[in-house]
Amino acid sequence: MSTSAYREAAYAPGAWAHQLDSTSPSVPLADIADEITALTRRTGVPMTAYVRTTGITAWQIVLVRDPSVTHGTPDPRDCERAARNLAATGRWQSRGQLARTSALVAIGLREGYTPGNQLHTLAEFKTLHSRHLPVWVGAPAELISARPLPDGGVRTYSEPGVLTFTDPENLPAFAAIAHELGQHRFVVHDWLTGWTTAYSRTGRGAHVAMRKDR
């Protein structure tokens, strides 16, 4: 595609996603963020979790590979090891690999990364989505990332977000939505093309710039 608001900042072959369901009716979001942090500390694997949530509590985690310029992309075997480690705590039951004949798009709702920045709502996302596409197939989620630091610590970040299953040809529409929500970055897990891609904002236009050799 042509020059755009977003470019491929980092990407990796394959679309790894592992679903785990809570063994209790619901788990506080703060507890889950602590668990993902502890998981990365135990295993050394940089993890990203998409947590299905009502806003306060949650019942499902989808662990994913999130390509990063700074931290790289973990090997799927290491991700599987981390998923098994989390299931072994007893709070989460593994449901195995999530696989779809589509792409999973994860978009945050906070502008930038500072906690006090403007936080958009699910209703705002749905309004924007309806301007571009007729049907939304997805769910609200807390987006949590945990990255190991050189000193042995872990940097954790989380924000409310939205998950959408869609056809890959709809990515320009989601780039436009992400742009209108003030997002610096969004991630696409595409089982059809076999790639996971993190798109980063360039400040131009409202489309997606994709490599020609992919």
N, C-alpha and C. Protein backbone atom coordinates (compact mmCIF):
# COMPACT_ATOMS: atom_id res chain seq x y z
N MET A 1 0.83 -1.20 0.00
CA MET A 1 0.00 0.00 0.00
C MET A 1 0.87 1.25 0.00
N SER A 2 0.27 2.39 -0.19
CA SER A 2 1.02 3.64 -0.34
C SER A 2 1.44 4.21 1.01
N THR A 3 2.13 5.37 0.98
CA THR A 3 2.58 6.01 2.21
C THR A 3 1.40 6.20 3.15
N SER A 4 1.66 6.16 4.44
CA SER A 4 0.54 6.02 5.36
C SER A 4 0.84 6.55 6.75
N ALA A 5 -0.18 6.45 7.61
CA ALA A 5 -0.03 6.85 9.00
C ALA A 5 0.73 5.80 9.80
N TYR A 6 0.79 4.57 9.30
CA TYR A 6 1.46 3.49 10.02
C TYR A 6 2.38 2.71 9.09
N ARG A 7 3.50 2.26 9.65
CA ARG A 7 4.44 1.44 8.91
C ARG A 7 4.70 0.17 9.72
N GLU A 8 5.23 -0.83 9.06
CA GLU A 8 5.62 -2.06 9.76
C GLU A 8 6.87 -1.80 10.58
N ALA A 9 6.70 -1.71 11.89
CA ALA A 9 7.84 -1.42 12.76
C ALA A 9 8.59 -2.70 13.13
N ALA A 10 7.85 -3.77 13.33
CA ALA A 10 8.45 -5.06 13.69
C ALA A 10 7.50 -6.16 13.25
N TYR A 11 8.07 -7.28 12.83
CA TYR A 11 7.21 -8.37 12.36
C TYR A 11 7.95 -9.69 12.53
N ALA A 12 7.17 -10.78 12.54
CA ALA A 12 7.74 -12.10 12.72
C ALA A 12 6.85 -13.12 12.01
N PRO A 13 7.45 -14.17 11.46
CA PRO A 13 6.63 -15.20 10.82
C PRO A 13 5.81 -15.97 11.84
N GLY A 14 4.61 -16.35 11.42
CA GLY A 14 3.73 -17.12 12.29
C GLY A 14 2.78 -16.25 13.09
N ALA A 15 1.70 -16.87 13.54
CA ALA A 15 0.72 -16.18 14.40
C ALA A 15 0.45 -17.09 15.59
N TRP A 16 1.18 -16.86 16.68
CA TRP A 16 1.05 -17.69 17.87
C TRP A 16 0.11 -17.01 18.87
N ALA A 17 -0.89 -17.75 19.32
CA ALA A 17 -1.81 -17.24 20.35
C ALA A 17 -2.31 -18.44 21.15
N HIS A 18 -2.22 -18.35 22.46
CA HIS A 18 -2.58 -19.46 23.35
C HIS A 18 -3.65 -18.99 24.32
N GLN A 19 -4.78 -19.66 24.30
CA GLN A 19 -5.92 -19.25 25.14
C GLN A 19 -5.92 -20.01 26.46
N LEU A 20 -6.15 -19.27 27.56
CA LEU A 20 -6.30 -19.87 28.88
C LEU A 20 -7.55 -19.29 29.54
N ASP A 21 -8.35 -20.18 30.14
CA ASP A 21 -9.58 -19.76 30.82
C ASP A 21 -9.40 -19.85 32.32
N SER A 22 -10.02 -18.92 33.03
CA SER A 22 -9.91 -18.90 34.48
C SER A 22 -10.61 -20.11 35.09
N THR A 23 -10.02 -20.66 36.14
CA THR A 23 -10.65 -21.77 36.86
C THR A 23 -11.62 -21.28 37.91
N SER A 24 -11.69 -19.96 38.10
CA SER A 24 -12.68 -19.36 39.00
C SER A 24 -13.58 -18.45 38.16
N PRO A 25 -14.74 -18.04 38.70
CA PRO A 25 -15.67 -17.24 37.90
C PRO A 25 -15.07 -15.97 37.32
N SER A 26 -14.21 -15.32 38.07
CA SER A 26 -13.58 -14.11 37.55
C SER A 26 -12.34 -13.79 38.38
N VAL A 27 -11.42 -13.03 37.77
CA VAL A 27 -10.16 -12.67 38.42
C VAL A 27 -9.97 -11.16 38.28
N PRO A 28 -9.60 -10.45 39.35
CA PRO A 28 -9.35 -9.01 39.24
C PRO A 28 -8.24 -8.71 38.23
N LEU A 29 -8.43 -7.66 37.44
CA LEU A 29 -7.45 -7.29 36.44
C LEU A 29 -6.08 -7.01 37.06
N ALA A 30 -6.06 -6.37 38.21
CA ALA A 30 -4.79 -6.05 38.86
C ALA A 30 -4.02 -7.33 39.18
N ASP A 31 -4.73 -8.38 39.57
CA ASP A 31 -4.07 -9.65 39.87
C ASP A 31 -3.47 -10.27 38.61
N ILE A 32 -4.19 -10.13 37.49
CA ILE A 32 -3.70 -10.71 36.24
C ILE A 32 -2.43 -9.99 35.78
N ALA A 33 -2.42 -8.67 35.89
CA ALA A 33 -1.21 -7.92 35.53
C ALA A 33 -0.03 -8.39 36.37
N ASP A 34 -0.27 -8.63 37.66
CA ASP A 34 0.80 -9.13 38.53
C ASP A 34 1.25 -10.53 38.09
N GLU A 35 0.29 -11.36 37.67
CA GLU A 35 0.63 -12.72 37.25
C GLU A 35 1.47 -12.71 35.96
N ILE A 36 1.13 -11.83 35.02
CA ILE A 36 1.89 -11.77 33.77
C ILE A 36 3.30 -11.25 34.04
N THR A 37 3.40 -10.28 34.96
CA THR A 37 4.71 -9.79 35.36
C THR A 37 5.55 -10.91 35.99
N ALA A 38 4.93 -11.66 36.90
CA ALA A 38 5.63 -12.76 37.57
C ALA A 38 6.01 -13.85 36.56
N LEU A 39 5.15 -14.08 35.57
CA LEU A 39 5.43 -15.08 34.55
C LEU A 39 6.68 -14.73 33.76
N THR A 40 6.79 -13.47 33.35
CA THR A 40 7.98 -13.03 32.62
C THR A 40 9.21 -13.09 33.50
N ARG A 41 9.05 -12.76 34.78
CA ARG A 41 10.20 -12.82 35.70
C ARG A 41 10.67 -14.26 35.86
N ARG A 42 9.73 -15.22 35.94
CA ARG A 42 10.11 -16.64 36.13
C ARG A 42 10.74 -17.23 34.89
N THR A 43 10.17 -16.91 33.73
CA THR A 43 10.57 -17.59 32.49
C THR A 43 11.56 -16.80 31.65
N GLY A 44 11.63 -15.47 31.87
CA GLY A 44 12.48 -14.63 31.04
C GLY A 44 11.90 -14.36 29.67
N VAL A 45 10.65 -14.77 29.44
CA VAL A 45 10.01 -14.60 28.13
C VAL A 45 9.19 -13.31 28.11
N PRO A 46 9.46 -12.40 27.17
CA PRO A 46 8.61 -11.21 27.07
C PRO A 46 7.22 -11.61 26.63
N MET A 47 6.21 -11.25 27.41
CA MET A 47 4.86 -11.72 27.14
C MET A 47 3.90 -10.55 26.91
N THR A 48 2.91 -10.82 26.07
CA THR A 48 1.78 -9.91 25.92
C THR A 48 0.51 -10.74 26.13
N ALA A 49 -0.42 -10.19 26.90
CA ALA A 49 -1.67 -10.88 27.20
C ALA A 49 -2.85 -10.00 26.80
N TYR A 50 -3.77 -10.58 26.07
CA TYR A 50 -5.04 -9.92 25.79
C TYR A 50 -6.06 -10.55 26.72
N VAL A 51 -6.57 -9.76 27.66
CA VAL A 51 -7.41 -10.29 28.73
C VAL A 51 -8.87 -9.89 28.48
N ARG A 52 -9.72 -10.88 28.23
CA ARG A 52 -11.14 -10.63 28.04
C ARG A 52 -11.72 -10.16 29.37
N THR A 53 -12.41 -9.05 29.36
CA THR A 53 -12.78 -8.41 30.61
C THR A 53 -14.10 -7.67 30.55
N THR A 54 -14.69 -7.50 31.73
CA THR A 54 -15.87 -6.65 31.88
C THR A 54 -15.46 -5.23 32.24
N GLY A 55 -14.16 -5.01 32.46
CA GLY A 55 -13.65 -3.71 32.88
C GLY A 55 -12.99 -3.74 34.23
N ILE A 56 -13.43 -4.68 35.08
CA ILE A 56 -12.86 -4.81 36.42
C ILE A 56 -12.30 -6.21 36.64
N THR A 57 -13.07 -7.21 36.25
CA THR A 57 -12.62 -8.59 36.40
C THR A 57 -12.53 -9.25 35.03
N ALA A 58 -11.95 -10.45 35.00
CA ALA A 58 -11.74 -11.12 33.72
C ALA A 58 -11.88 -12.62 33.89
N TRP A 59 -12.01 -13.32 32.76
CA TRP A 59 -12.17 -14.77 32.80
C TRP A 59 -11.36 -15.50 31.73
N GLN A 60 -10.68 -14.76 30.86
CA GLN A 60 -9.94 -15.41 29.79
C GLN A 60 -8.71 -14.60 29.42
N ILE A 61 -7.60 -15.31 29.15
CA ILE A 61 -6.36 -14.68 28.70
C ILE A 61 -5.99 -15.30 27.35
N VAL A 62 -5.57 -14.47 26.41
CA VAL A 62 -4.95 -14.95 25.19
C VAL A 62 -3.51 -14.42 25.20
N LEU A 63 -2.55 -15.31 25.40
CA LEU A 63 -1.14 -14.94 25.33
C LEU A 63 -0.72 -14.89 23.86
N VAL A 64 0.01 -13.85 23.48
CA VAL A 64 0.40 -13.69 22.07
C VAL A 64 1.87 -13.29 21.97
N ARG A 65 2.42 -13.47 20.77
CA ARG A 65 3.75 -12.94 20.45
C ARG A 65 3.56 -11.53 19.92
N ASP A 66 4.29 -10.59 20.51
CA ASP A 66 4.16 -9.19 20.12
C ASP A 66 5.53 -8.70 19.64
N PRO A 67 5.73 -8.57 18.33
CA PRO A 67 7.05 -8.16 17.82
C PRO A 67 7.45 -6.79 18.34
N SER A 68 8.70 -6.66 18.76
CA SER A 68 9.19 -5.41 19.33
C SER A 68 10.57 -5.08 18.77
N VAL A 69 10.77 -3.83 18.40
CA VAL A 69 12.08 -3.38 17.93
C VAL A 69 13.10 -3.49 19.06
N THR A 70 12.69 -3.16 20.27
CA THR A 70 13.59 -3.15 21.42
C THR A 70 13.83 -4.54 22.00
N HIS A 71 12.74 -5.31 22.15
CA HIS A 71 12.83 -6.58 22.86
C HIS A 71 12.81 -7.80 21.93
N GLY A 72 12.63 -7.58 20.64
CA GLY A 72 12.57 -8.70 19.71
C GLY A 72 11.25 -9.46 19.83
N THR A 73 11.22 -10.65 19.24
CA THR A 73 10.03 -11.49 19.28
C THR A 73 10.41 -12.85 19.82
N PRO A 74 9.78 -13.31 20.90
CA PRO A 74 10.16 -14.61 21.47
C PRO A 74 9.85 -15.76 20.53
N ASP A 75 10.63 -16.82 20.64
CA ASP A 75 10.41 -18.04 19.87
C ASP A 75 9.10 -18.69 20.32
N PRO A 76 8.30 -19.25 19.39
CA PRO A 76 7.05 -19.90 19.78
C PRO A 76 7.24 -20.99 20.84
N ARG A 77 8.38 -21.70 20.80
CA ARG A 77 8.62 -22.74 21.80
C ARG A 77 8.76 -22.13 23.20
N ASP A 78 9.40 -20.96 23.29
CA ASP A 78 9.50 -20.29 24.59
C ASP A 78 8.14 -19.78 25.04
N CYS A 79 7.33 -19.32 24.08
CA CYS A 79 5.98 -18.86 24.42
C CYS A 79 5.14 -20.01 24.96
N GLU A 80 5.25 -21.18 24.32
CA GLU A 80 4.52 -22.35 24.80
C GLU A 80 4.97 -22.75 26.20
N ARG A 81 6.26 -22.66 26.43
CA ARG A 81 6.78 -22.97 27.75
C ARG A 81 6.20 -22.02 28.80
N ALA A 82 6.11 -20.74 28.45
CA ALA A 82 5.53 -19.76 29.37
C ALA A 82 4.05 -20.03 29.60
N ALA A 83 3.32 -20.40 28.55
CA ALA A 83 1.90 -20.68 28.70
C ALA A 83 1.68 -21.88 29.63
N ARG A 84 2.50 -22.91 29.47
CA ARG A 84 2.39 -24.07 30.36
C ARG A 84 2.72 -23.69 31.80
N ASN A 85 3.71 -22.81 31.96
CA ASN A 85 4.10 -22.34 33.29
C ASN A 85 2.94 -21.62 33.97
N LEU A 86 2.22 -20.78 33.20
CA LEU A 86 1.09 -20.06 33.76
C LEU A 86 -0.03 -21.03 34.14
N ALA A 87 -0.30 -22.00 33.28
CA ALA A 87 -1.35 -22.97 33.57
C ALA A 87 -1.02 -23.80 34.81
N ALA A 88 0.27 -24.01 35.04
CA ALA A 88 0.69 -24.83 36.18
C ALA A 88 0.40 -24.16 37.52
N THR A 89 0.12 -22.86 37.53
CA THR A 89 -0.20 -22.17 38.79
C THR A 89 -1.57 -22.60 39.32
N GLY A 90 -2.42 -23.17 38.45
CA GLY A 90 -3.72 -23.65 38.89
C GLY A 90 -4.86 -22.68 38.70
N ARG A 91 -4.56 -21.42 38.45
CA ARG A 91 -5.62 -20.43 38.28
C ARG A 91 -6.16 -20.42 36.86
N TRP A 92 -5.35 -20.90 35.92
CA TRP A 92 -5.73 -20.84 34.51
C TRP A 92 -5.64 -22.22 33.87
N GLN A 93 -6.64 -22.55 33.07
CA GLN A 93 -6.67 -23.82 32.35
C GLN A 93 -6.38 -23.58 30.88
N SER A 94 -5.38 -24.28 30.35
CA SER A 94 -4.99 -24.10 28.96
C SER A 94 -6.06 -24.64 28.02
N ARG A 95 -6.40 -23.86 27.02
CA ARG A 95 -7.30 -24.30 25.94
C ARG A 95 -6.53 -24.50 24.64
N GLY A 96 -5.21 -24.37 24.71
CA GLY A 96 -4.38 -24.61 23.55
C GLY A 96 -4.34 -23.45 22.57
N GLN A 97 -3.87 -23.75 21.39
CA GLN A 97 -3.67 -22.72 20.37
C GLN A 97 -5.00 -22.16 19.85
N LEU A 98 -5.05 -20.84 19.77
CA LEU A 98 -6.16 -20.17 19.11
C LEU A 98 -5.80 -20.06 17.64
N ALA A 99 -6.69 -20.52 16.77
CA ALA A 99 -6.42 -20.46 15.33
C ALA A 99 -7.69 -20.02 14.61
N ARG A 100 -7.55 -19.07 13.73
CA ARG A 100 -8.69 -18.53 12.98
C ARG A 100 -8.34 -18.41 11.50
N THR A 101 -9.36 -18.40 10.67
CA THR A 101 -9.16 -18.14 9.25
C THR A 101 -9.38 -16.65 9.01
N SER A 102 -8.63 -15.85 9.75
CA SER A 102 -8.78 -14.39 9.70
C SER A 102 -7.57 -13.76 10.36
N ALA A 103 -7.66 -12.47 10.61
CA ALA A 103 -6.63 -11.75 11.35
C ALA A 103 -7.22 -11.24 12.66
N LEU A 104 -6.40 -11.20 13.69
CA LEU A 104 -6.79 -10.61 14.97
C LEU A 104 -6.07 -9.27 15.10
N VAL A 105 -6.85 -8.20 15.25
CA VAL A 105 -6.30 -6.85 15.39
C VAL A 105 -6.50 -6.39 16.82
N ALA A 106 -5.43 -5.94 17.47
CA ALA A 106 -5.51 -5.43 18.84
C ALA A 106 -5.18 -3.95 18.84
N ILE A 107 -6.14 -3.13 19.29
CA ILE A 107 -5.97 -1.68 19.31
C ILE A 107 -6.25 -1.18 20.72
N GLY A 108 -5.34 -0.38 21.27
CA GLY A 108 -5.55 0.23 22.58
C GLY A 108 -6.50 1.41 22.50
N LEU A 109 -6.94 1.86 23.67
CA LEU A 109 -7.89 2.98 23.72
C LEU A 109 -7.31 4.22 24.39
N ARG A 110 -6.08 4.11 24.92
CA ARG A 110 -5.45 5.28 25.53
C ARG A 110 -4.52 5.94 24.52
N GLU A 111 -4.56 7.26 24.44
CA GLU A 111 -3.66 7.98 23.54
C GLU A 111 -2.26 8.02 24.16
N GLY A 112 -1.28 7.50 23.44
CA GLY A 112 0.07 7.44 23.99
C GLY A 112 0.16 6.42 25.10
N TYR A 113 1.18 6.57 25.96
CA TYR A 113 1.45 5.57 26.99
C TYR A 113 1.38 6.12 28.41
N THR A 114 1.13 7.40 28.56
CA THR A 114 1.06 7.98 29.91
C THR A 114 -0.30 7.72 30.52
N PRO A 115 -0.37 7.19 31.75
CA PRO A 115 -1.65 6.83 32.36
C PRO A 115 -2.68 7.95 32.37
N GLY A 116 -2.25 9.21 32.48
CA GLY A 116 -3.20 10.32 32.56
C GLY A 116 -3.71 10.79 31.21
N ASN A 117 -3.23 10.21 30.11
CA ASN A 117 -3.66 10.65 28.78
C ASN A 117 -5.12 10.28 28.52
N GLN A 118 -5.68 10.88 27.50
CA GLN A 118 -7.08 10.64 27.17
C GLN A 118 -7.33 9.16 26.91
N LEU A 119 -8.40 8.65 27.53
CA LEU A 119 -8.79 7.26 27.38
C LEU A 119 -10.12 7.20 26.65
N HIS A 120 -10.13 6.62 25.47
CA HIS A 120 -11.36 6.51 24.70
C HIS A 120 -12.19 5.32 25.21
N THR A 121 -13.44 5.28 24.78
CA THR A 121 -14.36 4.25 25.25
C THR A 121 -14.65 3.23 24.16
N LEU A 122 -15.19 2.09 24.58
CA LEU A 122 -15.61 1.08 23.62
C LEU A 122 -16.68 1.64 22.69
N ALA A 123 -17.56 2.48 23.24
CA ALA A 123 -18.61 3.08 22.41
C ALA A 123 -18.01 3.95 21.31
N GLU A 124 -16.94 4.69 21.63
CA GLU A 124 -16.27 5.50 20.61
C GLU A 124 -15.68 4.62 19.53
N PHE A 125 -15.05 3.52 19.94
CA PHE A 125 -14.49 2.59 18.96
C PHE A 125 -15.58 2.06 18.04
N LYS A 126 -16.71 1.65 18.62
CA LYS A 126 -17.79 1.09 17.81
C LYS A 126 -18.35 2.12 16.83
N THR A 127 -18.42 3.37 17.26
CA THR A 127 -18.90 4.42 16.37
C THR A 127 -17.96 4.60 15.19
N LEU A 128 -16.66 4.62 15.47
CA LEU A 128 -15.67 4.74 14.39
C LEU A 128 -15.71 3.51 13.48
N HIS A 129 -15.84 2.34 14.09
CA HIS A 129 -15.88 1.11 13.29
C HIS A 129 -17.05 1.13 12.32
N SER A 130 -18.21 1.59 12.79
CA SER A 130 -19.40 1.59 11.94
C SER A 130 -19.26 2.52 10.74
N ARG A 131 -18.35 3.50 10.82
CA ARG A 131 -18.12 4.39 9.69
C ARG A 131 -17.32 3.71 8.59
N HIS A 132 -16.57 2.67 8.97
CA HIS A 132 -15.68 2.01 8.01
C HIS A 132 -16.15 0.63 7.60
N LEU A 133 -16.73 -0.13 8.54
CA LEU A 133 -17.11 -1.51 8.28
C LEU A 133 -18.47 -1.80 8.92
N PRO A 134 -19.29 -2.65 8.30
CA PRO A 134 -20.66 -2.85 8.78
C PRO A 134 -20.78 -3.71 10.03
N VAL A 135 -19.88 -4.69 10.20
CA VAL A 135 -20.03 -5.65 11.29
C VAL A 135 -18.73 -5.72 12.10
N TRP A 136 -18.88 -5.66 13.43
CA TRP A 136 -17.72 -5.83 14.32
C TRP A 136 -17.79 -7.20 14.97
N VAL A 137 -16.72 -7.98 14.86
CA VAL A 137 -16.62 -9.28 15.51
C VAL A 137 -15.43 -9.22 16.45
N GLY A 138 -15.69 -9.04 17.73
CA GLY A 138 -14.58 -8.91 18.67
C GLY A 138 -15.07 -8.74 20.09
N ALA A 139 -14.21 -8.17 20.93
CA ALA A 139 -14.52 -8.02 22.35
C ALA A 139 -13.61 -6.98 22.98
N PRO A 140 -14.08 -6.34 24.06
CA PRO A 140 -13.18 -5.47 24.82
C PRO A 140 -12.15 -6.33 25.56
N ALA A 141 -10.98 -5.77 25.80
CA ALA A 141 -9.92 -6.52 26.48
C ALA A 141 -8.95 -5.55 27.13
N GLU A 142 -8.29 -6.02 28.17
CA GLU A 142 -7.16 -5.30 28.75
C GLU A 142 -5.91 -5.81 28.04
N LEU A 143 -5.10 -4.88 27.52
CA LEU A 143 -3.88 -5.26 26.82
C LEU A 143 -2.71 -5.10 27.78
N ILE A 144 -2.06 -6.20 28.11
CA ILE A 144 -1.00 -6.21 29.12
C ILE A 144 0.29 -6.71 28.49
N SER A 145 1.38 -5.98 28.70
CA SER A 145 2.68 -6.46 28.24
C SER A 145 3.66 -6.46 29.40
N ALA A 146 4.57 -7.43 29.39
CA ALA A 146 5.61 -7.53 30.42
C ALA A 146 6.93 -7.82 29.71
N ARG A 147 7.91 -6.94 29.91
CA ARG A 147 9.19 -7.06 29.22
C ARG A 147 10.33 -7.14 30.24
N PRO A 148 11.20 -8.16 30.12
CA PRO A 148 12.33 -8.26 31.05
C PRO A 148 13.33 -7.13 30.84
N LEU A 149 13.91 -6.66 31.94
CA LEU A 149 14.89 -5.58 31.91
C LEU A 149 16.28 -6.14 32.21
N PRO A 150 17.32 -5.44 31.76
CA PRO A 150 18.69 -5.93 31.99
C PRO A 150 19.04 -6.15 33.46
N ASP A 151 18.41 -5.38 34.37
CA ASP A 151 18.74 -5.51 35.79
C ASP A 151 17.98 -6.64 36.48
N GLY A 152 17.21 -7.42 35.69
CA GLY A 152 16.46 -8.51 36.27
C GLY A 152 15.03 -8.17 36.59
N GLY A 153 14.67 -6.90 36.48
CA GLY A 153 13.30 -6.49 36.72
C GLY A 153 12.42 -6.73 35.50
N VAL A 154 11.17 -6.32 35.61
CA VAL A 154 10.21 -6.47 34.52
C VAL A 154 9.43 -5.17 34.38
N ARG A 155 9.33 -4.68 33.16
CA ARG A 155 8.53 -3.49 32.89
C ARG A 155 7.16 -3.94 32.40
N THR A 156 6.11 -3.53 33.11
CA THR A 156 4.75 -3.93 32.77
C THR A 156 3.95 -2.71 32.34
N TYR A 157 3.16 -2.89 31.30
CA TYR A 157 2.27 -1.82 30.83
C TYR A 157 0.91 -2.44 30.51
N SER A 158 -0.15 -1.71 30.83
CA SER A 158 -1.48 -2.20 30.48
C SER A 158 -2.40 -1.03 30.16
N GLU A 159 -3.38 -1.30 29.32
CA GLU A 159 -4.39 -0.31 28.98
C GLU A 159 -5.62 -1.01 28.43
N PRO A 160 -6.79 -0.41 28.60
CA PRO A 160 -7.99 -0.97 27.97
C PRO A 160 -7.85 -0.94 26.46
N GLY A 161 -8.40 -1.94 25.81
CA GLY A 161 -8.31 -1.99 24.36
C GLY A 161 -9.45 -2.78 23.76
N VAL A 162 -9.32 -3.07 22.47
CA VAL A 162 -10.35 -3.78 21.73
C VAL A 162 -9.70 -4.83 20.84
N LEU A 163 -10.29 -6.01 20.80
CA LEU A 163 -9.85 -7.06 19.90
C LEU A 163 -10.88 -7.23 18.79
N THR A 164 -10.39 -7.46 17.56
CA THR A 164 -11.29 -7.64 16.43
C THR A 164 -10.77 -8.74 15.53
N PHE A 165 -11.63 -9.67 15.16
CA PHE A 165 -11.33 -10.65 14.13
C PHE A 165 -11.87 -10.12 12.81
N THR A 166 -11.01 -10.07 11.80
CA THR A 166 -11.39 -9.44 10.55
C THR A 166 -10.61 -10.03 9.38
N ASP A 167 -11.04 -9.73 8.18
CA ASP A 167 -10.28 -10.13 6.99
C ASP A 167 -9.08 -9.21 6.83
N PRO A 168 -7.93 -9.73 6.39
CA PRO A 168 -6.73 -8.90 6.24
C PRO A 168 -6.93 -7.68 5.35
N GLU A 169 -7.81 -7.76 4.36
CA GLU A 169 -8.01 -6.61 3.48
C GLU A 169 -8.66 -5.42 4.18
N ASN A 170 -9.16 -5.65 5.40
CA ASN A 170 -9.76 -4.55 6.16
C ASN A 170 -8.74 -3.76 6.99
N LEU A 171 -7.46 -4.12 6.93
CA LEU A 171 -6.47 -3.45 7.77
C LEU A 171 -6.40 -1.94 7.56
N PRO A 172 -6.55 -1.41 6.34
CA PRO A 172 -6.56 0.05 6.19
C PRO A 172 -7.66 0.72 7.02
N ALA A 173 -8.80 0.06 7.16
CA ALA A 173 -9.88 0.62 7.98
C ALA A 173 -9.45 0.68 9.44
N PHE A 174 -8.76 -0.34 9.91
CA PHE A 174 -8.33 -0.34 11.31
C PHE A 174 -7.18 0.64 11.54
N ALA A 175 -6.37 0.86 10.52
CA ALA A 175 -5.35 1.89 10.63
C ALA A 175 -6.01 3.27 10.79
N ALA A 176 -7.08 3.50 10.04
CA ALA A 176 -7.79 4.76 10.16
C ALA A 176 -8.42 4.92 11.54
N ILE A 177 -8.99 3.82 12.06
CA ILE A 177 -9.59 3.86 13.40
C ILE A 177 -8.51 4.12 14.45
N ALA A 178 -7.38 3.40 14.35
CA ALA A 178 -6.29 3.61 15.31
C ALA A 178 -5.79 5.04 15.27
N HIS A 179 -5.71 5.60 14.08
CA HIS A 179 -5.25 6.99 13.92
C HIS A 179 -6.22 7.95 14.61
N GLU A 180 -7.52 7.73 14.42
CA GLU A 180 -8.51 8.61 15.04
C GLU A 180 -8.54 8.47 16.56
N LEU A 181 -8.11 7.33 17.05
CA LEU A 181 -8.04 7.12 18.51
C LEU A 181 -6.69 7.55 19.08
N GLY A 182 -5.83 8.10 18.24
CA GLY A 182 -4.55 8.62 18.72
C GLY A 182 -3.55 7.54 19.11
N GLN A 183 -3.61 6.38 18.44
CA GLN A 183 -2.73 5.28 18.81
C GLN A 183 -1.36 5.41 18.13
N HIS A 184 -0.31 5.18 18.90
CA HIS A 184 1.05 5.18 18.36
C HIS A 184 1.38 3.86 17.69
N ARG A 185 0.62 2.80 18.05
CA ARG A 185 1.00 1.45 17.64
C ARG A 185 -0.23 0.54 17.71
N PHE A 186 -0.30 -0.44 16.82
CA PHE A 186 -1.27 -1.52 16.97
C PHE A 186 -0.69 -2.78 16.36
N VAL A 187 -1.26 -3.93 16.74
CA VAL A 187 -0.67 -5.22 16.36
C VAL A 187 -1.70 -6.07 15.62
N VAL A 188 -1.21 -6.78 14.60
CA VAL A 188 -2.06 -7.67 13.80
C VAL A 188 -1.48 -9.07 13.81
N HIS A 189 -2.30 -10.05 14.17
CA HIS A 189 -1.93 -11.46 14.15
C HIS A 189 -2.73 -12.09 13.01
N ASP A 190 -2.06 -12.46 11.94
CA ASP A 190 -2.74 -12.86 10.72
C ASP A 190 -2.46 -14.33 10.40
N TRP A 191 -3.46 -15.18 10.65
CA TRP A 191 -3.30 -16.61 10.38
C TRP A 191 -3.33 -16.92 8.89
N LEU A 192 -3.92 -16.05 8.09
CA LEU A 192 -4.01 -16.30 6.65
C LEU A 192 -2.68 -16.04 5.94
N THR A 193 -2.02 -14.95 6.30
CA THR A 193 -0.73 -14.65 5.68
C THR A 193 0.42 -15.30 6.43
N GLY A 194 0.17 -15.71 7.69
CA GLY A 194 1.22 -16.33 8.48
C GLY A 194 2.23 -15.36 9.03
N TRP A 195 1.77 -14.14 9.39
CA TRP A 195 2.68 -13.13 9.96
C TRP A 195 2.03 -12.43 11.14
N THR A 196 2.87 -12.01 12.09
CA THR A 196 2.45 -11.12 13.17
C THR A 196 3.21 -9.82 12.99
N THR A 197 2.47 -8.70 12.97
CA THR A 197 3.07 -7.41 12.63
C THR A 197 2.66 -6.33 13.61
N ALA A 198 3.64 -5.58 14.08
CA ALA A 198 3.38 -4.39 14.90
C ALA A 198 3.53 -3.18 13.99
N TYR A 199 2.47 -2.39 13.90
CA TYR A 199 2.48 -1.18 13.08
C TYR A 199 2.71 0.03 13.97
N SER A 200 3.58 0.93 13.52
CA SER A 200 3.94 2.12 14.28
C SER A 200 3.54 3.36 13.51
N ARG A 201 3.11 4.39 14.22
CA ARG A 201 2.62 5.60 13.58
C ARG A 201 3.75 6.40 12.93
N THR A 202 3.47 6.91 11.73
CA THR A 202 4.44 7.73 11.01
C THR A 202 4.03 9.19 10.97
N GLY A 203 2.73 9.47 11.19
CA GLY A 203 2.25 10.85 11.19
C GLY A 203 1.73 11.31 9.85
N ARG A 204 1.58 10.38 8.88
CA ARG A 204 1.07 10.77 7.57
C ARG A 204 -0.11 9.89 7.20
N GLY A 205 -1.14 10.50 6.63
CA GLY A 205 -2.23 9.76 6.04
C GLY A 205 -3.04 8.96 7.04
N ALA A 206 -3.78 7.96 6.53
CA ALA A 206 -4.62 7.12 7.37
C ALA A 206 -4.73 5.72 6.79
N HIS A 207 -3.63 5.20 6.27
CA HIS A 207 -3.63 3.86 5.70
C HIS A 207 -2.49 3.05 6.32
N VAL A 208 -2.22 1.88 5.78
CA VAL A 208 -1.15 1.03 6.27
C VAL A 208 -0.11 0.84 5.18
N ALA A 209 1.14 1.06 5.51
CA ALA A 209 2.23 0.82 4.56
C ALA A 209 2.77 -0.58 4.83
N MET A 210 2.77 -1.45 3.82
CA MET A 210 3.23 -2.81 3.98
C MET A 210 4.41 -3.10 3.06
N ARG A 211 5.32 -3.94 3.52
CA ARG A 211 6.48 -4.30 2.72
C ARG A 211 6.05 -5.04 1.45
N LYS A 212 6.75 -4.78 0.36
CA LYS A 212 6.41 -5.41 -0.91
C LYS A 212 6.91 -6.85 -0.99
N ASP A 213 7.89 -7.21 -0.14
CA ASP A 213 8.47 -8.54 -0.26
C ASP A 213 7.87 -9.52 0.75
N ARG A 214 6.74 -9.18 1.29
CA ARG A 214 6.08 -10.07 2.24
C ARG A 214 5.07 -10.95 1.55
